[in-house]
């Protein structure tokens, strides 16, 4: 069991200043997924495309790595399924099932629907690799919890008999390896900061980082930080406290 975390406090600045200062060093799960697809996966020459369930952020990262994709924010996928669609999908018609798709990448999608789910399932059944940007079950926003990216891949997992996607977000160590490769990271000099024990803090501990810091502005509570078997070395009420922590 980890020792009890230290509580650090402060009262100035905010997350916006932090993000502005370190914008070039932010490594998202969407970026991790794009790196994994473009530099680690070896896709067949005739199946280079990614079918995206997700929003603009995923598309931007794939485009930056010159990875071809379909789906995502394309308005033609933001509709209900029709009786004709069922027949075309079942028959593998190229009009709906692109034969060049070799990967299904699932992230947080605010326009998720039955059509996208059906297409993703049939792509995977036809051999496409099943990836997820992350498997977070919840998304903290406006002081409450909402469905996270993991809830989007959940119905696919159930349809596939429990087959899990390869997750490129925390706590996947594939993401840690990608970060280390990009930034020449010295793990013993790095600290993982996050609000969720089972992803953020686990990511830092299992990745062998020099420290872990919990923040109380998201999912895990103070009591969890203090009593869980896997817990951070320290915790703060919010990221702004880092500027005055001693």
Foldseek 3Di string as FASTA:
>chain_A
DDAFAAEFFDDDDADVVVCVVCVVLDDALLLLVLCCLLPPDDFPPQAQEEEEQEEDVNVVNNVVSVGHYDHHPPVVQLDADDPVNVVCLVVVPCVLAPPNHQAYEFFDHPRDDPSSLSNSLSNVVVHHAYEYSAQDQWDDDPNDTDGGRNVSCVVSCVVVVNDDHHYSAFLDCSVVVVSCVVPVDDQLADEFEEADQRGRQNSSVVNNHNFYEHEQPTDDHSVCQRDPPRHGNHYYPHPRSVVVTD
